[in-house]
Amino acid sequence: MGDALMAGSGGGSTTHYSTSSRVMAAVWVVIAVLLLLDLVLRGQDRLAWIAGAVLVMSIAVVYVAWLRPRVVSTERGIRMVNPLRETFVPWAAVRWVDVVDVLRVHTAERVYRSWPLRETKRARVRENMRRDSGYLDSDDDGDPARMRPVDLVARDLRRDAERYKTRPLSGPIKDVEEEGPAALGARDRPQTMVPVEVIVVLGVPVLLFVAVLLLA
């Protein structure tokens, strides 16, 4: 995964994601679609059908692994979208946010790791591991101009936690348009689930591939 991270705001939320991963995913989707069109126009045998099914599966995998993952800061908590699972961490449960090899959200129960927001510089990962073990002093809120992109995201999330904890919203979450399906009914404890979207996006291509093998 690349080092560039992007953040987009809208509707009271801020979305953080890996730009390079999304660019690579978009490039592959375009290539796969062109190959599929070529197969539709010229391929008519069994191998063409199998190749087409494999291409469809590759698009689904790329979407789940590279396009879908993100971390969203909302008014109610942190939405962590990983390839297969999604976690919602209410602000009340957030103890700390830091970076080792990936961005991590600490709660009283466990530490949640983000798939898309990664530290790609190996020397920095080793330094983070030494700091996490207590061998180096923390500099989490240092000079922004010298901070790595994922460290800036961690700092922003820590500040969001401080801000939202001062004026918490009460009651269970009912509107999941921004908070995501894992937030449904959440109060002050994290919730994790496998979204229906992931099951459909991965399940349909697999069924298509099996059908092609059996019928083509």
Protein backbone atom coordinates (compact mmCIF):
# COMPACT_ATOMS: atom_id res chain seq x y z
CA MET A 1 0.00 0.00 0.00
CA GLY A 2 1.13 3.50 -0.77
CA ASP A 3 2.00 6.24 1.66
CA ALA A 4 -0.44 8.90 0.49
CA LEU A 5 -3.58 9.31 2.58
CA MET A 6 -6.60 11.44 1.83
CA ALA A 7 -9.45 12.78 3.91
CA GLY A 8 -12.84 13.89 2.68
CA SER A 9 -15.49 15.69 4.71
CA GLY A 10 -19.23 15.64 4.36
CA GLY A 11 -22.36 15.53 6.47
CA GLY A 12 -20.47 15.97 9.75
CA SER A 13 -18.01 13.15 9.04
CA THR A 14 -14.43 12.91 7.81
CA THR A 15 -13.25 9.93 5.75
CA HIS A 16 -9.61 8.82 5.71
CA TYR A 17 -8.31 6.39 3.09
CA SER A 18 -5.22 5.37 1.11
CA THR A 19 -5.12 7.27 -2.17
CA SER A 20 -2.51 5.02 -3.79
CA SER A 21 -4.49 1.88 -3.02
CA ARG A 22 -7.61 3.36 -4.57
CA VAL A 23 -5.69 4.47 -7.68
CA MET A 24 -4.22 0.99 -8.16
CA ALA A 25 -7.64 -0.57 -7.62
CA ALA A 26 -9.26 1.76 -10.14
CA VAL A 27 -6.57 0.96 -12.70
CA TRP A 28 -7.11 -2.77 -12.29
CA VAL A 29 -10.90 -2.42 -12.51
CA VAL A 30 -10.53 -0.55 -15.81
CA ILE A 31 -8.16 -3.20 -17.16
CA ALA A 32 -10.45 -6.03 -16.03
CA VAL A 33 -13.49 -4.40 -17.62
CA LEU A 34 -11.61 -3.99 -20.93
CA LEU A 35 -10.56 -7.64 -20.81
CA LEU A 36 -14.16 -8.65 -20.10
CA LEU A 37 -15.36 -6.67 -23.11
CA ASP A 38 -12.75 -8.38 -25.25
CA LEU A 39 -13.92 -11.77 -24.02
CA VAL A 40 -17.54 -10.90 -24.74
CA LEU A 41 -16.67 -9.81 -28.28
CA ARG A 42 -14.25 -12.59 -29.21
CA GLY A 43 -14.39 -15.42 -26.70
CA GLN A 44 -17.04 -18.10 -27.06
CA ASP A 45 -15.49 -21.29 -25.68
CA ARG A 46 -15.42 -22.68 -22.15
CA LEU A 47 -12.04 -21.14 -21.33
CA ALA A 48 -13.40 -17.69 -22.20
CA TRP A 49 -16.30 -18.16 -19.78
CA ILE A 50 -13.91 -19.30 -17.02
CA ALA A 51 -11.58 -16.38 -17.69
CA GLY A 52 -14.52 -13.99 -17.52
CA ALA A 53 -15.65 -15.41 -14.20
CA VAL A 54 -12.11 -15.07 -12.82
CA LEU A 55 -11.99 -11.43 -13.92
CA VAL A 56 -15.30 -10.74 -12.19
CA MET A 57 -13.95 -12.35 -9.02
CA SER A 58 -10.80 -10.22 -9.23
CA ILE A 59 -12.88 -7.03 -9.46
CA ALA A 60 -14.84 -8.08 -6.37
CA VAL A 61 -11.65 -8.84 -4.41
CA VAL A 62 -10.05 -5.55 -5.44
CA TYR A 63 -13.15 -3.64 -4.39
CA VAL A 64 -13.30 -5.32 -0.97
CA ALA A 65 -9.55 -5.13 -0.29
CA TRP A 66 -8.58 -1.77 -1.82
CA LEU A 67 -11.60 0.38 -2.64
CA ARG A 68 -13.96 -0.23 0.27
CA PRO A 69 -11.60 0.06 3.32
CA ARG A 70 -11.55 3.42 5.08
CA VAL A 71 -11.75 5.05 8.50
CA VAL A 72 -14.56 7.52 9.10
CA SER A 73 -14.74 9.98 11.98
CA THR A 74 -18.41 10.73 12.70
CA GLU A 75 -20.25 12.64 15.41
CA ARG A 76 -20.94 9.39 17.25
CA GLY A 77 -17.64 7.52 16.91
CA ILE A 78 -15.04 5.97 14.63
CA ARG A 79 -16.18 3.74 11.79
CA MET A 80 -13.38 1.33 10.83
CA VAL A 81 -14.05 -0.37 7.51
CA ASN A 82 -11.69 -3.29 6.86
CA PRO A 83 -11.94 -5.75 3.94
CA LEU A 84 -14.13 -8.39 5.60
CA ARG A 85 -15.31 -6.77 8.82
CA GLU A 86 -16.50 -3.40 9.96
CA THR A 87 -16.15 -2.01 13.48
CA PHE A 88 -17.82 0.98 15.06
CA VAL A 89 -16.13 2.44 18.14
CA PRO A 90 -18.24 5.04 20.02
CA TRP A 91 -16.27 8.04 21.25
CA ALA A 92 -16.99 7.04 24.84
CA ALA A 93 -15.03 3.82 24.28
CA VAL A 94 -11.98 5.43 22.64
CA ARG A 95 -9.01 5.49 25.02
CA TRP A 96 -6.24 6.36 22.53
CA VAL A 97 -5.37 6.31 18.83
CA ASP A 98 -1.82 5.59 17.66
CA VAL A 99 0.26 4.03 14.90
CA VAL A 100 2.68 1.11 14.85
CA ASP A 101 2.50 -0.67 11.49
CA VAL A 102 -1.14 0.37 11.10
CA LEU A 103 -3.42 2.89 12.76
CA ARG A 104 -4.85 1.49 16.00
CA VAL A 105 -7.84 2.50 18.10
CA HIS A 106 -7.48 1.52 21.77
CA THR A 107 -10.48 0.69 23.95
CA ALA A 108 -10.83 -0.85 27.39
CA GLU A 109 -11.68 -4.23 25.83
CA ARG A 110 -9.20 -4.50 22.96
CA VAL A 111 -7.19 -2.70 20.30
CA TYR A 112 -8.77 -2.37 16.85
CA ARG A 113 -6.49 -2.24 13.80
CA SER A 114 -7.17 -0.39 10.57
CA TRP A 115 -6.43 -2.15 7.26
CA PRO A 116 -6.18 0.86 4.90
CA LEU A 117 -4.22 3.32 7.07
CA ARG A 118 -0.68 1.97 7.23
CA GLU A 119 2.84 3.13 7.92
CA THR A 120 4.80 2.00 4.85
CA LYS A 121 8.25 3.17 5.90
CA ARG A 122 9.96 0.23 7.61
CA ALA A 123 12.32 2.38 9.66
CA ARG A 124 9.33 4.28 11.00
CA VAL A 125 7.53 1.03 11.88
CA ARG A 126 10.56 -0.13 13.88
CA GLU A 127 10.69 3.22 15.64
CA ASN A 128 6.97 3.00 16.43
CA MET A 129 7.42 -0.51 17.82
CA ARG A 130 10.23 0.68 20.11
CA ARG A 131 8.07 3.59 21.26
CA ASP A 132 5.11 1.24 21.85
CA SER A 133 7.39 -0.95 24.00
CA GLY A 134 8.47 2.05 26.06
CA TYR A 135 11.99 2.39 24.70
CA LEU A 136 11.38 5.82 23.15
CA ASP A 137 9.53 8.88 24.36
CA SER A 138 6.21 9.59 22.68
CA ASP A 139 6.03 12.46 20.18
CA ASP A 140 2.48 11.86 18.99
CA ASP A 141 1.53 15.54 18.83
CA GLY A 142 4.78 16.92 17.42
CA ASP A 143 5.31 19.30 14.53
CA PRO A 144 2.68 18.49 11.84
CA ALA A 145 5.16 19.40 9.10
CA ARG A 146 7.41 16.54 10.25
CA MET A 147 4.70 13.98 10.95
CA ARG A 148 3.97 11.02 8.70
CA PRO A 149 0.53 11.00 6.96
CA VAL A 150 -0.92 8.19 9.08
CA ASP A 151 0.37 9.88 12.26
CA LEU A 152 -1.54 13.01 11.27
CA VAL A 153 -4.70 10.92 10.93
CA ALA A 154 -4.14 9.42 14.39
CA ARG A 155 -3.65 12.90 15.83
CA ASP A 156 -6.85 14.15 14.16
CA LEU A 157 -8.81 11.20 15.55
CA ARG A 158 -7.48 11.85 19.06
CA ARG A 159 -8.59 15.46 18.77
CA ASP A 160 -11.99 14.37 17.46
CA ALA A 161 -12.35 12.07 20.48
CA GLU A 162 -11.54 14.92 22.86
CA ARG A 163 -13.98 17.24 21.11
CA TYR A 164 -16.92 14.87 20.87
CA LYS A 165 -16.51 13.55 24.41
CA THR A 166 -17.20 17.03 25.74
CA ARG A 167 -20.67 17.03 24.15
CA PRO A 168 -21.67 13.37 23.76
CA LEU A 169 -24.85 12.38 21.92
CA SER A 170 -27.01 10.06 24.01
CA GLY A 171 -29.19 7.13 23.06
CA PRO A 172 -28.73 4.24 20.65
CA ILE A 173 -27.69 4.95 17.08
CA LYS A 174 -30.54 4.52 14.63
CA ASP A 175 -29.33 6.39 11.54
CA VAL A 176 -26.43 4.41 10.06
CA GLU A 177 -25.97 6.35 6.83
CA GLU A 178 -22.64 7.75 8.05
CA GLU A 179 -21.87 5.54 11.05
CA GLY A 180 -22.29 2.28 9.13
CA PRO A 181 -24.21 -0.95 9.84
CA ALA A 182 -21.96 -1.95 12.75
CA ALA A 183 -23.14 1.15 14.64
CA LEU A 184 -26.79 0.13 14.70
CA GLY A 185 -27.95 0.15 18.33
CA ALA A 186 -24.48 0.98 19.66
CA ARG A 187 -24.26 2.95 22.90
CA ASP A 188 -20.85 3.05 24.59
CA ARG A 189 -19.25 -0.23 23.50
CA PRO A 190 -17.62 -1.16 20.17
CA GLN A 191 -19.49 -3.40 17.76
CA THR A 192 -18.06 -5.53 14.92
CA MET A 193 -19.86 -7.29 12.08
CA VAL A 194 -19.46 -8.72 8.59
CA PRO A 195 -21.59 -6.38 6.42
CA VAL A 196 -24.12 -7.79 3.98
CA GLU A 197 -22.34 -5.80 1.28
CA VAL A 198 -19.20 -7.90 1.67
CA ILE A 199 -21.14 -11.17 1.58
CA VAL A 200 -22.94 -10.13 -1.61
CA VAL A 201 -19.90 -8.67 -3.37
CA LEU A 202 -17.80 -11.78 -2.73
CA GLY A 203 -20.56 -14.37 -2.81
CA VAL A 204 -22.07 -13.53 -6.20
CA PRO A 205 -18.78 -13.89 -8.16
CA VAL A 206 -18.04 -17.19 -6.40
CA LEU A 207 -21.48 -18.53 -7.35
CA LEU A 208 -20.91 -17.30 -10.90
CA PHE A 209 -17.57 -19.07 -11.07
CA VAL A 210 -19.03 -22.34 -9.77
CA ALA A 211 -21.92 -22.07 -12.24
CA VAL A 212 -19.48 -21.53 -15.12
CA LEU A 213 -17.45 -24.58 -14.12
CA LEU A 214 -20.56 -26.72 -13.95
CA LEU A 215 -22.44 -25.45 -16.98
CA ALA A 216 -19.96 -24.07 -19.47
